[in-house]
N, C-alpha and C. Protein backbone atom coordinates (compact mmCIF):
# COMPACT_ATOMS: atom_id res chain seq x y z
N MET A 1 119.10 121.39 100.30
CA MET A 1 117.81 120.83 99.98
C MET A 1 116.74 121.61 100.73
N ARG A 2 115.69 121.95 100.03
CA ARG A 2 114.62 122.73 100.63
C ARG A 2 113.71 121.82 101.46
N ARG A 3 113.39 122.26 102.65
CA ARG A 3 112.51 121.48 103.53
C ARG A 3 111.06 121.77 103.19
N CYS A 4 110.21 120.80 103.44
CA CYS A 4 108.77 120.99 103.25
C CYS A 4 108.25 121.88 104.36
N VAL A 5 107.61 122.96 103.98
CA VAL A 5 106.99 123.83 104.96
C VAL A 5 105.52 123.99 104.63
N ARG A 6 104.72 124.14 105.62
CA ARG A 6 103.28 124.24 105.46
C ARG A 6 102.89 125.64 105.01
N SER A 7 102.04 125.72 104.02
CA SER A 7 101.50 126.99 103.57
C SER A 7 100.29 127.33 104.44
N ALA A 8 100.21 128.53 104.91
CA ALA A 8 99.10 128.93 105.77
C ALA A 8 97.77 128.91 105.04
N ALA A 9 97.79 129.02 103.71
CA ALA A 9 96.55 129.07 102.94
C ALA A 9 95.94 127.70 102.70
N VAL A 10 96.67 126.63 102.97
CA VAL A 10 96.18 125.29 102.70
C VAL A 10 95.48 124.75 103.93
N PRO A 11 94.29 124.13 103.76
CA PRO A 11 93.60 123.60 104.92
C PRO A 11 94.40 122.49 105.58
N PRO A 12 94.34 122.39 106.91
CA PRO A 12 95.10 121.35 107.60
C PRO A 12 94.56 119.97 107.26
N ALA A 13 95.46 118.98 107.29
CA ALA A 13 95.06 117.61 106.97
C ALA A 13 94.18 117.02 108.06
N ILE A 14 94.42 117.36 109.28
CA ILE A 14 93.64 116.82 110.38
C ILE A 14 92.86 117.98 110.98
N HIS A 15 91.57 117.80 111.07
CA HIS A 15 90.71 118.87 111.55
C HIS A 15 90.28 118.59 112.97
N SER A 16 90.04 119.65 113.70
CA SER A 16 89.53 119.51 115.05
C SER A 16 88.10 119.02 114.98
N ILE A 17 87.70 118.36 116.04
CA ILE A 17 86.32 117.90 116.12
C ILE A 17 85.41 119.11 116.03
N GLY A 18 84.38 118.99 115.23
CA GLY A 18 83.44 120.08 115.06
C GLY A 18 83.72 120.95 113.85
N GLU A 19 84.93 120.88 113.31
CA GLU A 19 85.23 121.63 112.09
C GLU A 19 84.66 120.89 110.89
N PRO A 20 84.19 121.62 109.89
CA PRO A 20 83.65 120.94 108.71
C PRO A 20 84.75 120.23 107.93
N PRO A 21 84.41 119.12 107.29
CA PRO A 21 85.41 118.41 106.49
C PRO A 21 85.75 119.21 105.24
N VAL A 22 86.98 119.03 104.78
CA VAL A 22 87.42 119.59 103.50
C VAL A 22 87.38 118.43 102.51
N ILE A 23 86.65 118.62 101.43
CA ILE A 23 86.48 117.55 100.45
C ILE A 23 87.12 117.98 99.14
N ALA A 24 87.99 117.12 98.62
CA ALA A 24 88.63 117.36 97.32
C ALA A 24 87.73 116.77 96.23
N VAL A 25 87.89 117.28 95.03
CA VAL A 25 87.12 116.74 93.90
C VAL A 25 88.08 116.48 92.74
N ASP A 26 87.89 115.33 92.10
CA ASP A 26 88.72 114.90 90.98
C ASP A 26 88.27 115.60 89.70
N SER A 27 89.19 115.79 88.79
CA SER A 27 88.90 116.52 87.56
C SER A 27 87.82 115.85 86.71
N SER A 28 87.78 114.54 86.66
CA SER A 28 86.79 113.87 85.82
C SER A 28 85.36 114.22 86.23
N VAL A 29 85.13 114.37 87.52
CA VAL A 29 83.80 114.74 88.01
C VAL A 29 83.46 116.17 87.59
N LEU A 30 84.40 117.06 87.71
CA LEU A 30 84.17 118.45 87.31
C LEU A 30 83.96 118.58 85.81
N ILE A 31 84.74 117.84 85.04
CA ILE A 31 84.61 117.91 83.59
C ILE A 31 83.24 117.40 83.16
N GLU A 32 82.74 116.36 83.82
CA GLU A 32 81.38 115.86 83.53
C GLU A 32 80.37 117.00 83.67
N ILE A 33 80.49 117.75 84.76
CA ILE A 33 79.57 118.85 85.01
C ILE A 33 79.74 119.95 83.97
N LEU A 34 80.97 120.34 83.71
CA LEU A 34 81.24 121.48 82.84
C LEU A 34 80.90 121.22 81.38
N VAL A 35 80.99 119.98 80.93
CA VAL A 35 80.66 119.69 79.53
C VAL A 35 79.26 119.10 79.36
N GLY A 36 78.55 118.93 80.48
CA GLY A 36 77.20 118.40 80.41
C GLY A 36 77.14 116.94 80.01
N ALA A 37 78.07 116.14 80.49
CA ALA A 37 78.10 114.71 80.18
C ALA A 37 76.85 114.03 80.73
N ARG A 38 76.60 112.82 80.28
CA ARG A 38 75.38 112.12 80.69
C ARG A 38 75.34 111.85 82.19
N GLN A 39 76.47 111.82 82.84
CA GLN A 39 76.53 111.58 84.28
C GLN A 39 76.60 112.89 85.08
N ALA A 40 76.42 114.01 84.43
CA ALA A 40 76.58 115.31 85.07
C ALA A 40 75.62 115.52 86.24
N GLU A 41 74.40 115.04 86.13
CA GLU A 41 73.43 115.24 87.21
C GLU A 41 73.89 114.56 88.50
N ALA A 42 74.40 113.36 88.41
CA ALA A 42 74.91 112.66 89.59
C ALA A 42 76.13 113.38 90.16
N ALA A 43 77.00 113.86 89.28
CA ALA A 43 78.19 114.59 89.72
C ALA A 43 77.78 115.88 90.42
N GLU A 44 76.81 116.60 89.87
CA GLU A 44 76.33 117.84 90.49
C GLU A 44 75.72 117.56 91.86
N SER A 45 74.99 116.48 91.98
CA SER A 45 74.38 116.11 93.25
C SER A 45 75.44 115.83 94.31
N ALA A 46 76.46 115.06 93.95
CA ALA A 46 77.55 114.76 94.88
C ALA A 46 78.28 116.04 95.29
N LEU A 47 78.48 116.94 94.35
CA LEU A 47 79.15 118.21 94.65
C LEU A 47 78.29 119.07 95.58
N ARG A 48 76.99 119.15 95.32
CA ARG A 48 76.10 119.92 96.20
C ARG A 48 76.12 119.37 97.63
N GLU A 49 76.07 118.04 97.75
CA GLU A 49 76.09 117.42 99.08
C GLU A 49 77.41 117.73 99.81
N ALA A 50 78.51 117.68 99.08
CA ALA A 50 79.82 117.99 99.68
C ALA A 50 79.88 119.45 100.12
N LEU A 51 79.41 120.35 99.29
CA LEU A 51 79.43 121.78 99.63
C LEU A 51 78.56 122.07 100.85
N ALA A 52 77.51 121.29 101.06
CA ALA A 52 76.66 121.47 102.23
C ALA A 52 77.38 121.07 103.52
N LEU A 53 78.39 120.20 103.40
CA LEU A 53 79.16 119.73 104.56
C LEU A 53 80.30 120.67 104.94
N GLY A 54 80.89 121.32 103.93
CA GLY A 54 82.04 122.18 104.19
C GLY A 54 82.73 122.56 102.90
N PRO A 55 83.97 123.04 103.01
CA PRO A 55 84.70 123.48 101.82
C PRO A 55 84.99 122.32 100.85
N VAL A 56 84.91 122.63 99.57
CA VAL A 56 85.30 121.70 98.51
C VAL A 56 86.46 122.36 97.77
N VAL A 57 87.53 121.59 97.56
CA VAL A 57 88.75 122.15 96.99
C VAL A 57 89.25 121.32 95.82
N VAL A 58 90.09 121.97 95.00
CA VAL A 58 90.83 121.30 93.94
C VAL A 58 92.30 121.63 94.12
N CYS A 59 93.14 120.70 93.71
CA CYS A 59 94.58 120.95 93.77
C CYS A 59 95.07 121.38 92.39
N ASP A 60 96.35 121.66 92.32
CA ASP A 60 97.01 122.16 91.11
C ASP A 60 96.72 121.27 89.89
N VAL A 61 96.84 119.97 90.09
CA VAL A 61 96.65 119.01 88.99
C VAL A 61 95.23 119.09 88.44
N VAL A 62 94.26 119.16 89.32
CA VAL A 62 92.86 119.21 88.88
C VAL A 62 92.60 120.50 88.11
N VAL A 63 93.15 121.61 88.59
CA VAL A 63 92.99 122.88 87.85
C VAL A 63 93.56 122.73 86.44
N ALA A 64 94.74 122.16 86.32
CA ALA A 64 95.37 121.98 85.00
C ALA A 64 94.54 121.07 84.11
N GLU A 65 94.03 119.99 84.66
CA GLU A 65 93.23 119.06 83.85
C GLU A 65 91.91 119.67 83.42
N VAL A 66 91.27 120.44 84.29
CA VAL A 66 90.03 121.11 83.93
C VAL A 66 90.31 122.16 82.86
N CYS A 67 91.38 122.93 83.04
CA CYS A 67 91.73 123.95 82.05
C CYS A 67 92.01 123.34 80.68
N SER A 68 92.60 122.15 80.66
CA SER A 68 92.90 121.52 79.38
C SER A 68 91.64 121.05 78.66
N SER A 69 90.53 120.97 79.38
CA SER A 69 89.28 120.51 78.78
C SER A 69 88.39 121.65 78.31
N LEU A 70 88.71 122.86 78.74
CA LEU A 70 87.91 124.03 78.35
C LEU A 70 88.77 124.96 77.51
N ARG A 71 88.16 126.04 77.02
CA ARG A 71 88.89 126.93 76.11
C ARG A 71 90.02 127.68 76.76
N ASP A 72 89.84 128.20 77.96
CA ASP A 72 90.93 128.95 78.58
C ASP A 72 90.88 128.83 80.10
N GLY A 73 92.01 129.18 80.71
CA GLY A 73 92.15 129.06 82.15
C GLY A 73 91.22 129.96 82.92
N ASP A 74 91.03 131.18 82.46
CA ASP A 74 90.14 132.11 83.16
C ASP A 74 88.72 131.56 83.20
N GLN A 75 88.28 130.99 82.09
CA GLN A 75 86.95 130.39 82.02
C GLN A 75 86.84 129.24 83.02
N SER A 76 87.86 128.43 83.11
CA SER A 76 87.86 127.29 84.03
C SER A 76 87.80 127.76 85.47
N MET A 77 88.65 128.70 85.83
CA MET A 77 88.68 129.17 87.22
C MET A 77 87.38 129.87 87.59
N GLN A 78 86.82 130.61 86.67
CA GLN A 78 85.54 131.28 86.94
C GLN A 78 84.45 130.23 87.17
N ALA A 79 84.44 129.18 86.36
CA ALA A 79 83.43 128.12 86.53
C ALA A 79 83.59 127.44 87.89
N LEU A 80 84.82 127.16 88.29
CA LEU A 80 85.05 126.53 89.60
C LEU A 80 84.60 127.44 90.73
N GLU A 81 84.93 128.72 90.63
CA GLU A 81 84.52 129.68 91.66
C GLU A 81 83.01 129.77 91.75
N GLU A 82 82.34 129.79 90.59
CA GLU A 82 80.87 129.85 90.58
C GLU A 82 80.26 128.61 91.22
N MET A 83 80.93 127.48 91.13
CA MET A 83 80.45 126.26 91.77
C MET A 83 80.73 126.25 93.27
N GLY A 84 81.52 127.20 93.75
CA GLY A 84 81.85 127.25 95.17
C GLY A 84 83.09 126.46 95.54
N ILE A 85 83.92 126.15 94.55
CA ILE A 85 85.12 125.34 94.76
C ILE A 85 86.33 126.24 94.92
N SER A 86 87.15 125.93 95.91
CA SER A 86 88.36 126.71 96.19
C SER A 86 89.60 125.95 95.73
N PHE A 87 90.71 126.65 95.70
CA PHE A 87 92.00 126.07 95.32
C PHE A 87 92.82 125.81 96.58
N ALA A 88 93.43 124.63 96.66
CA ALA A 88 94.34 124.29 97.76
C ALA A 88 95.58 123.65 97.15
N GLU A 89 96.69 124.38 97.21
CA GLU A 89 97.92 123.88 96.58
C GLU A 89 98.40 122.58 97.24
N VAL A 90 99.12 121.81 96.47
CA VAL A 90 99.68 120.55 96.95
C VAL A 90 100.86 120.86 97.86
N GLU A 91 100.81 120.32 99.08
CA GLU A 91 101.93 120.49 100.01
C GLU A 91 103.04 119.50 99.65
N CYS A 92 104.23 119.82 100.11
CA CYS A 92 105.40 118.99 99.84
C CYS A 92 105.18 117.55 100.29
N LYS A 93 104.60 117.34 101.46
CA LYS A 93 104.38 115.98 101.96
C LYS A 93 103.46 115.19 101.03
N SER A 94 102.52 115.86 100.40
CA SER A 94 101.62 115.19 99.46
C SER A 94 102.35 114.82 98.17
N ALA A 95 103.22 115.71 97.71
CA ALA A 95 104.02 115.42 96.51
C ALA A 95 104.93 114.23 96.75
N ILE A 96 105.52 114.17 97.94
CA ILE A 96 106.39 113.04 98.27
C ILE A 96 105.60 111.74 98.29
N ARG A 97 104.43 111.75 98.93
CA ARG A 97 103.60 110.54 98.98
C ARG A 97 103.19 110.12 97.57
N ALA A 98 102.87 111.08 96.72
CA ALA A 98 102.50 110.76 95.34
C ALA A 98 103.63 110.02 94.63
N GLY A 99 104.85 110.52 94.78
CA GLY A 99 106.00 109.86 94.17
C GLY A 99 106.21 108.46 94.71
N GLU A 100 106.03 108.29 96.01
CA GLU A 100 106.17 106.96 96.61
C GLU A 100 105.12 105.99 96.07
N MET A 101 103.90 106.46 95.90
CA MET A 101 102.83 105.60 95.39
C MET A 101 103.03 105.29 93.91
N GLN A 102 103.55 106.24 93.15
CA GLN A 102 103.87 106.00 91.74
C GLN A 102 104.94 104.91 91.64
N ARG A 103 105.94 104.99 92.49
CA ARG A 103 107.01 103.98 92.50
C ARG A 103 106.44 102.61 92.87
N ARG A 104 105.56 102.56 93.86
CA ARG A 104 104.92 101.30 94.25
C ARG A 104 104.10 100.73 93.10
N TYR A 105 103.39 101.60 92.41
CA TYR A 105 102.58 101.17 91.26
C TYR A 105 103.47 100.51 90.20
N ARG A 106 104.59 101.15 89.87
CA ARG A 106 105.50 100.59 88.86
C ARG A 106 106.09 99.27 89.35
N ALA A 107 106.44 99.19 90.62
CA ALA A 107 107.02 97.96 91.18
C ALA A 107 106.01 96.81 91.15
N ARG A 108 104.73 97.13 91.26
CA ARG A 108 103.68 96.11 91.18
C ARG A 108 103.43 95.67 89.74
N GLY A 109 104.05 96.35 88.79
CA GLY A 109 103.83 96.03 87.38
C GLY A 109 102.46 96.45 86.90
N GLY A 110 102.01 97.61 87.32
CA GLY A 110 100.68 98.11 86.97
C GLY A 110 100.38 97.97 85.49
N THR A 111 99.15 97.54 85.19
CA THR A 111 98.77 97.30 83.80
C THR A 111 98.14 98.52 83.13
N ARG A 112 97.59 99.43 83.91
CA ARG A 112 97.01 100.64 83.33
C ARG A 112 98.06 101.73 83.31
N LEU A 113 97.90 102.65 82.42
CA LEU A 113 98.80 103.79 82.39
C LEU A 113 98.39 104.77 83.47
N ARG A 114 99.17 104.83 84.50
CA ARG A 114 98.95 105.79 85.57
C ARG A 114 100.11 106.75 85.54
N THR A 115 99.80 108.02 85.66
CA THR A 115 100.85 109.01 85.68
C THR A 115 100.89 109.69 87.04
N VAL A 116 101.94 110.42 87.28
CA VAL A 116 102.12 111.10 88.56
C VAL A 116 100.90 111.96 88.92
N PRO A 117 100.25 112.67 88.00
CA PRO A 117 99.10 113.48 88.40
C PRO A 117 98.00 112.68 89.13
N ASP A 118 97.74 111.44 88.72
CA ASP A 118 96.75 110.62 89.42
C ASP A 118 97.14 110.44 90.88
N PHE A 119 98.42 110.21 91.11
CA PHE A 119 98.90 109.99 92.46
C PHE A 119 98.93 111.29 93.27
N ILE A 120 99.16 112.41 92.62
CA ILE A 120 99.14 113.70 93.31
C ILE A 120 97.72 114.00 93.81
N VAL A 121 96.73 113.77 92.98
CA VAL A 121 95.34 114.01 93.38
C VAL A 121 95.00 113.16 94.60
N GLY A 122 95.39 111.89 94.58
CA GLY A 122 95.10 111.01 95.72
C GLY A 122 95.84 111.40 96.98
N ALA A 123 97.12 111.72 96.86
CA ALA A 123 97.91 112.10 98.03
C ALA A 123 97.40 113.42 98.63
N HIS A 124 97.05 114.36 97.77
CA HIS A 124 96.50 115.64 98.23
C HIS A 124 95.22 115.38 99.03
N ALA A 125 94.33 114.57 98.49
CA ALA A 125 93.07 114.29 99.18
C ALA A 125 93.30 113.56 100.51
N LEU A 126 94.22 112.60 100.52
CA LEU A 126 94.50 111.83 101.72
C LEU A 126 95.13 112.67 102.83
N LEU A 127 96.13 113.45 102.47
CA LEU A 127 96.93 114.16 103.48
C LEU A 127 96.44 115.56 103.80
N GLN A 128 95.68 116.18 102.90
CA GLN A 128 95.28 117.56 103.11
C GLN A 128 93.76 117.75 103.21
N CYS A 129 93.01 116.71 102.93
CA CYS A 129 91.56 116.81 102.93
C CYS A 129 90.98 115.62 103.72
N ASN A 130 89.67 115.53 103.74
CA ASN A 130 89.00 114.46 104.45
C ASN A 130 88.37 113.43 103.54
N ALA A 131 88.21 113.76 102.26
CA ALA A 131 87.55 112.86 101.32
C ALA A 131 87.84 113.34 99.90
N LEU A 132 87.49 112.49 98.93
CA LEU A 132 87.67 112.81 97.51
C LEU A 132 86.43 112.37 96.75
N ILE A 133 85.87 113.28 95.96
CA ILE A 133 84.78 112.92 95.05
C ILE A 133 85.45 112.46 93.76
N SER A 134 85.22 111.20 93.38
CA SER A 134 85.86 110.64 92.19
C SER A 134 85.07 109.45 91.68
N ARG A 135 85.21 109.17 90.41
CA ARG A 135 84.62 107.97 89.83
C ARG A 135 85.62 106.81 89.83
N ASP A 136 86.86 107.08 90.16
CA ASP A 136 87.92 106.07 90.11
C ASP A 136 88.20 105.51 91.51
N ALA A 137 87.15 105.04 92.18
CA ALA A 137 87.26 104.60 93.57
C ALA A 137 88.25 103.45 93.75
N GLY A 138 88.25 102.49 92.84
CA GLY A 138 89.15 101.34 92.99
C GLY A 138 90.60 101.74 93.06
N PHE A 139 91.03 102.59 92.16
CA PHE A 139 92.42 103.05 92.14
C PHE A 139 92.76 103.77 93.44
N PHE A 140 91.95 104.75 93.82
CA PHE A 140 92.27 105.55 95.00
C PHE A 140 92.23 104.73 96.28
N ARG A 141 91.29 103.79 96.39
CA ARG A 141 91.24 102.94 97.59
C ARG A 141 92.44 102.01 97.66
N ASP A 142 92.90 101.57 96.51
CA ASP A 142 94.04 100.65 96.47
C ASP A 142 95.34 101.32 96.91
N TYR A 143 95.57 102.53 96.44
CA TYR A 143 96.83 103.21 96.72
C TYR A 143 96.78 104.19 97.89
N PHE A 144 95.61 104.60 98.30
CA PHE A 144 95.49 105.59 99.37
C PHE A 144 94.54 105.07 100.46
N LYS A 145 95.01 104.05 101.15
CA LYS A 145 94.23 103.40 102.22
C LYS A 145 93.77 104.44 103.23
N GLY A 146 92.52 104.36 103.58
CA GLY A 146 91.96 105.28 104.56
C GLY A 146 91.33 106.52 103.95
N LEU A 147 91.54 106.75 102.67
CA LEU A 147 90.94 107.91 102.01
C LEU A 147 89.46 107.61 101.76
N LYS A 148 88.60 108.47 102.24
CA LYS A 148 87.16 108.31 102.00
C LYS A 148 86.90 108.76 100.56
N ILE A 149 86.26 107.89 99.79
CA ILE A 149 85.92 108.19 98.40
C ILE A 149 84.41 108.36 98.29
N ILE A 150 84.00 109.44 97.66
CA ILE A 150 82.60 109.70 97.39
C ILE A 150 82.41 109.51 95.88
N VAL A 151 81.63 108.51 95.52
CA VAL A 151 81.37 108.22 94.10
C VAL A 151 80.00 108.77 93.75
N PRO A 152 79.92 109.68 92.78
CA PRO A 152 78.62 110.20 92.37
C PRO A 152 77.70 109.08 91.87
N LYS A 153 76.51 109.04 92.41
CA LYS A 153 75.54 108.01 92.04
C LYS A 153 74.28 108.67 91.49
N ALA A 154 73.73 108.04 90.46
CA ALA A 154 72.48 108.55 89.87
C ALA A 154 71.35 108.39 90.88
N GLY A 155 70.49 109.43 90.93
CA GLY A 155 69.39 109.55 91.86
C GLY A 155 68.65 108.34 92.16
């Protein structure tokens, strides 16, 4: 069995005092911006504020979801780079936590359709970042206690 090992390219989950926070962003917020949805201005504002604090990252799942909403992957990655967003792969410990939370969700008899990608985004943000920009605050707060959620708000 392969052990979980830390990738040097991934930001640490716990930062030293004085280091800028690493903020993850959920795909729904990015898609709002990229397609010019009615809530795009609030999403852009939240993203600008996060970028002013420190690095903003997306995980594997968010890249896939954004790519599925646009014409091609290169276009998606270029758009993310132009926004100042970096990629941070999901560490093994985050994948494990996601699976545990998915299992807990099913055991609770969850009424909404939640899939593993939702839990991966939350676990990645909780264990590898300091906060998550998302519109789905209730879900993430329920399953990822202690995760700071930034909800884009209209001016």
